[in-house]
Amino acid sequence: MSKLATAKTATDKLKLAWDASAIDRKHLTRMTFGDRDLERDLLQLFARQAGLLVERMRASEPSATACLAHTLKGSAAGVGAANVAAAAEAVELAAAAGVADCGPAVDRLAVTIERARDVIADMLRAN
């Protein structure tokens, strides 16, 4: 097996493992007191908001990027998207430290958000 095929297989396995924990459903249920309609509304809002915030981060100066990432970190934590919260925190810290090019951190955040959005879409279809 080539190195590329091995890397793809490892990446696919990691993605499957990651997707299983993209949204902490127990946390979401606690935060919404088990209200399925509220869960649905929060997940839809989070999925929309996350995409908008990343777009704004890409067009912002580091100080604004730090604020946007902080907002996203809190939203992600609220719905149980710990991986998104961690990636947003990495952007926040880089931007707050004055890193001129936060692009790579924002790119990793965007990928993390897309994975979470895929899981959210599956969750919404299942309800």
C-alpha atoms as a PDB file:
ATOM      1  CA  MET A   1       0.000   0.000   0.000  1.00  0.00           C
ATOM      2  CA  SER A   2       1.409   3.417  -0.922  1.00  0.00           C
ATOM      3  CA  LYS A   3       2.091   6.099   1.665  1.00  0.00           C
ATOM      4  CA  LEU A   4      -0.752   8.162   0.208  1.00  0.00           C
ATOM      5  CA  ALA A   5      -3.230   5.280   0.493  1.00  0.00           C
ATOM      6  CA  THR A   6      -2.052   4.542   4.046  1.00  0.00           C
ATOM      7  CA  ALA A   7      -2.472   8.195   5.005  1.00  0.00           C
ATOM      8  CA  LYS A   8      -5.954   8.301   3.461  1.00  0.00           C
ATOM      9  CA  THR A   9      -6.984   5.157   5.345  1.00  0.00           C
ATOM     10  CA  ALA A  10      -5.681   6.614   8.606  1.00  0.00           C
ATOM     11  CA  THR A  11      -7.449   9.900   7.883  1.00  0.00           C
ATOM     12  CA  ASP A  12     -10.720   8.105   7.125  1.00  0.00           C
ATOM     13  CA  LYS A  13     -10.489   6.164  10.396  1.00  0.00           C
ATOM     14  CA  LEU A  14      -9.737   9.346  12.300  1.00  0.00           C
ATOM     15  CA  LYS A  15     -12.689  11.093  10.646  1.00  0.00           C
ATOM     16  CA  LEU A  16     -15.052   8.294  11.657  1.00  0.00           C
ATOM     17  CA  ALA A  17     -13.808   8.427  15.235  1.00  0.00           C
ATOM     18  CA  TRP A  18     -14.002  12.226  15.238  1.00  0.00           C
ATOM     19  CA  ASP A  19     -17.514  12.323  13.783  1.00  0.00           C
ATOM     20  CA  ALA A  20     -18.768  10.066  16.558  1.00  0.00           C
ATOM     21  CA  SER A  21     -17.867  12.753  19.078  1.00  0.00           C
ATOM     22  CA  ALA A  22     -18.487  15.916  17.042  1.00  0.00           C
ATOM     23  CA  ILE A  23     -21.511  16.812  19.151  1.00  0.00           C
ATOM     24  CA  ASP A  24     -21.793  15.658  22.745  1.00  0.00           C
ATOM     25  CA  ARG A  25     -25.447  14.663  22.652  1.00  0.00           C
ATOM     26  CA  LYS A  26     -25.707  14.218  26.416  1.00  0.00           C
ATOM     27  CA  HIS A  27     -24.403  17.742  26.943  1.00  0.00           C
ATOM     28  CA  LEU A  28     -26.817  19.121  24.355  1.00  0.00           C
ATOM     29  CA  THR A  29     -29.719  17.312  26.010  1.00  0.00           C
ATOM     30  CA  ARG A  30     -28.733  18.752  29.413  1.00  0.00           C
ATOM     31  CA  MET A  31     -28.450  22.257  27.987  1.00  0.00           C
ATOM     32  CA  THR A  32     -31.889  22.033  26.350  1.00  0.00           C
ATOM     33  CA  PHE A  33     -33.565  20.140  29.196  1.00  0.00           C
ATOM     34  CA  GLY A  34     -34.385  17.404  26.710  1.00  0.00           C
ATOM     35  CA  ASP A  35     -36.449  19.691  24.483  1.00  0.00           C
ATOM     36  CA  ARG A  36     -35.919  18.206  20.998  1.00  0.00           C
ATOM     37  CA  ASP A  37     -37.304  21.271  19.217  1.00  0.00           C
ATOM     38  CA  LEU A  38     -34.878  23.500  21.110  1.00  0.00           C
ATOM     39  CA  GLU A  39     -32.008  21.115  20.262  1.00  0.00           C
ATOM     40  CA  ARG A  40     -32.926  21.344  16.587  1.00  0.00           C
ATOM     41  CA  ASP A  41     -33.132  25.151  16.703  1.00  0.00           C
ATOM     42  CA  LEU A  42     -29.784  25.477  18.500  1.00  0.00           C
ATOM     43  CA  LEU A  43     -28.016  23.107  16.137  1.00  0.00           C
ATOM     44  CA  GLN A  44     -29.372  24.935  13.077  1.00  0.00           C
ATOM     45  CA  LEU A  45     -28.370  28.304  14.536  1.00  0.00           C
ATOM     46  CA  PHE A  46     -24.909  27.039  15.470  1.00  0.00           C
ATOM     47  CA  ALA A  47     -24.286  25.551  12.018  1.00  0.00           C
ATOM     48  CA  ARG A  48     -25.264  28.846  10.355  1.00  0.00           C
ATOM     49  CA  GLN A  49     -23.396  31.055  12.832  1.00  0.00           C
ATOM     50  CA  ALA A  50     -20.190  29.022  12.677  1.00  0.00           C
ATOM     51  CA  GLY A  51     -19.923  29.414   8.926  1.00  0.00           C
ATOM     52  CA  LEU A  52     -20.558  33.151   9.073  1.00  0.00           C
ATOM     53  CA  LEU A  53     -18.009  33.693  11.822  1.00  0.00           C
ATOM     54  CA  VAL A  54     -15.280  31.869   9.902  1.00  0.00           C
ATOM     55  CA  GLU A  55     -16.001  33.997   6.818  1.00  0.00           C
ATOM     56  CA  ARG A  56     -15.654  37.128   8.947  1.00  0.00           C
ATOM     57  CA  MET A  57     -12.432  35.838  10.551  1.00  0.00           C
ATOM     58  CA  ARG A  58     -10.874  35.429   7.118  1.00  0.00           C
ATOM     59  CA  ALA A  59     -11.555  39.112   6.352  1.00  0.00           C
ATOM     60  CA  SER A  60     -10.631  40.564   9.756  1.00  0.00           C
ATOM     61  CA  GLU A  61      -7.624  41.939  11.542  1.00  0.00           C
ATOM     62  CA  PRO A  62      -6.200  39.769  14.361  1.00  0.00           C
ATOM     63  CA  SER A  63      -7.973  41.671  17.171  1.00  0.00           C
ATOM     64  CA  ALA A  64     -11.375  41.201  15.531  1.00  0.00           C
ATOM     65  CA  THR A  65     -10.515  37.598  14.671  1.00  0.00           C
ATOM     66  CA  ALA A  66      -9.802  36.941  18.363  1.00  0.00           C
ATOM     67  CA  CYS A  67     -13.238  38.304  19.326  1.00  0.00           C
ATOM     68  CA  LEU A  68     -15.019  36.302  16.640  1.00  0.00           C
ATOM     69  CA  ALA A  69     -13.178  33.125  17.632  1.00  0.00           C
ATOM     70  CA  HIS A  70     -14.086  33.729  21.278  1.00  0.00           C
ATOM     71  CA  THR A  71     -17.755  34.034  20.323  1.00  0.00           C
ATOM     72  CA  LEU A  72     -17.594  30.824  18.319  1.00  0.00           C
ATOM     73  CA  LYS A  73     -15.795  29.018  21.153  1.00  0.00           C
ATOM     74  CA  GLY A  74     -18.666  29.830  23.524  1.00  0.00           C
ATOM     75  CA  SER A  75     -21.342  28.806  21.046  1.00  0.00           C
ATOM     76  CA  ALA A  76     -19.573  25.542  20.318  1.00  0.00           C
ATOM     77  CA  ALA A  77     -19.219  24.740  23.994  1.00  0.00           C
ATOM     78  CA  GLY A  78     -22.911  25.440  24.484  1.00  0.00           C
ATOM     79  CA  VAL A  79     -24.022  22.834  21.946  1.00  0.00           C
ATOM     80  CA  GLY A  80     -21.392  20.292  22.928  1.00  0.00           C
ATOM     81  CA  ALA A  81     -19.089  20.755  19.931  1.00  0.00           C
ATOM     82  CA  ALA A  82     -15.861  20.422  21.921  1.00  0.00           C
ATOM     83  CA  ASN A  83     -13.643  19.950  18.860  1.00  0.00           C
ATOM     84  CA  VAL A  84     -14.926  23.176  17.336  1.00  0.00           C
ATOM     85  CA  ALA A  85     -14.487  24.970  20.657  1.00  0.00           C
ATOM     86  CA  ALA A  86     -10.872  23.782  20.870  1.00  0.00           C
ATOM     87  CA  ALA A  87     -10.120  24.834  17.284  1.00  0.00           C
ATOM     88  CA  ALA A  88     -11.761  28.226  17.888  1.00  0.00           C
ATOM     89  CA  GLU A  89      -9.673  28.669  21.020  1.00  0.00           C
ATOM     90  CA  ALA A  90      -6.515  28.007  19.002  1.00  0.00           C
ATOM     91  CA  VAL A  91      -7.516  30.771  16.583  1.00  0.00           C
ATOM     92  CA  GLU A  92      -8.400  33.078  19.462  1.00  0.00           C
ATOM     93  CA  LEU A  93      -5.018  32.566  21.145  1.00  0.00           C
ATOM     94  CA  ALA A  94      -3.068  33.004  17.908  1.00  0.00           C
ATOM     95  CA  ALA A  95      -4.956  36.160  16.998  1.00  0.00           C
ATOM     96  CA  ALA A  96      -4.689  37.591  20.515  1.00  0.00           C
ATOM     97  CA  ALA A  97      -0.941  36.958  20.452  1.00  0.00           C
ATOM     98  CA  GLY A  98      -0.762  39.102  17.333  1.00  0.00           C
ATOM     99  CA  VAL A  99       0.050  36.363  14.860  1.00  0.00           C
ATOM    100  CA  ALA A 100      -0.159  38.229  11.573  1.00  0.00           C
ATOM    101  CA  ASP A 101      -1.299  35.226   9.538  1.00  0.00           C
ATOM    102  CA  CYS A 102      -3.958  33.272  11.406  1.00  0.00           C
ATOM    103  CA  GLY A 103      -4.982  31.681   8.115  1.00  0.00           C
ATOM    104  CA  PRO A 104      -3.709  28.166   8.878  1.00  0.00           C
ATOM    105  CA  ALA A 105      -5.484  28.115  12.255  1.00  0.00           C
ATOM    106  CA  VAL A 106      -8.671  29.452  10.645  1.00  0.00           C
ATOM    107  CA  ASP A 107      -8.359  26.792   7.929  1.00  0.00           C
ATOM    108  CA  ARG A 108      -8.169  24.045  10.589  1.00  0.00           C
ATOM    109  CA  LEU A 109     -11.170  25.593  12.333  1.00  0.00           C
ATOM    110  CA  ALA A 110     -13.117  25.640   9.059  1.00  0.00           C
ATOM    111  CA  VAL A 111     -12.435  21.930   8.500  1.00  0.00           C
ATOM    112  CA  THR A 112     -13.506  21.162  12.055  1.00  0.00           C
ATOM    113  CA  ILE A 113     -16.698  23.145  11.570  1.00  0.00           C
ATOM    114  CA  GLU A 114     -17.513  21.344   8.331  1.00  0.00           C
ATOM    115  CA  ARG A 115     -17.183  17.995  10.060  1.00  0.00           C
ATOM    116  CA  ALA A 116     -19.452  19.178  12.871  1.00  0.00           C
ATOM    117  CA  ARG A 117     -21.944  20.556  10.353  1.00  0.00           C
ATOM    118  CA  ASP A 118     -22.028  17.177   8.601  1.00  0.00           C
ATOM    119  CA  VAL A 119     -22.841  15.489  11.906  1.00  0.00           C
ATOM    120  CA  ILE A 120     -25.455  18.127  12.699  1.00  0.00           C
ATOM    121  CA  ALA A 121     -27.087  17.583   9.306  1.00  0.00           C
ATOM    122  CA  ASP A 122     -27.246  13.849  10.025  1.00  0.00           C
ATOM    123  CA  MET A 123     -28.724  14.526  13.458  1.00  0.00           C
ATOM    124  CA  LEU A 124     -31.362  16.840  12.023  1.00  0.00           C
ATOM    125  CA  ARG A 125     -32.330  14.330   9.341  1.00  0.00           C
ATOM    126  CA  ALA A 126     -32.680  11.602  11.971  1.00  0.00           C
ATOM    127  CA  ASN A 127     -35.123  13.655  14.060  1.00  0.00           C
END
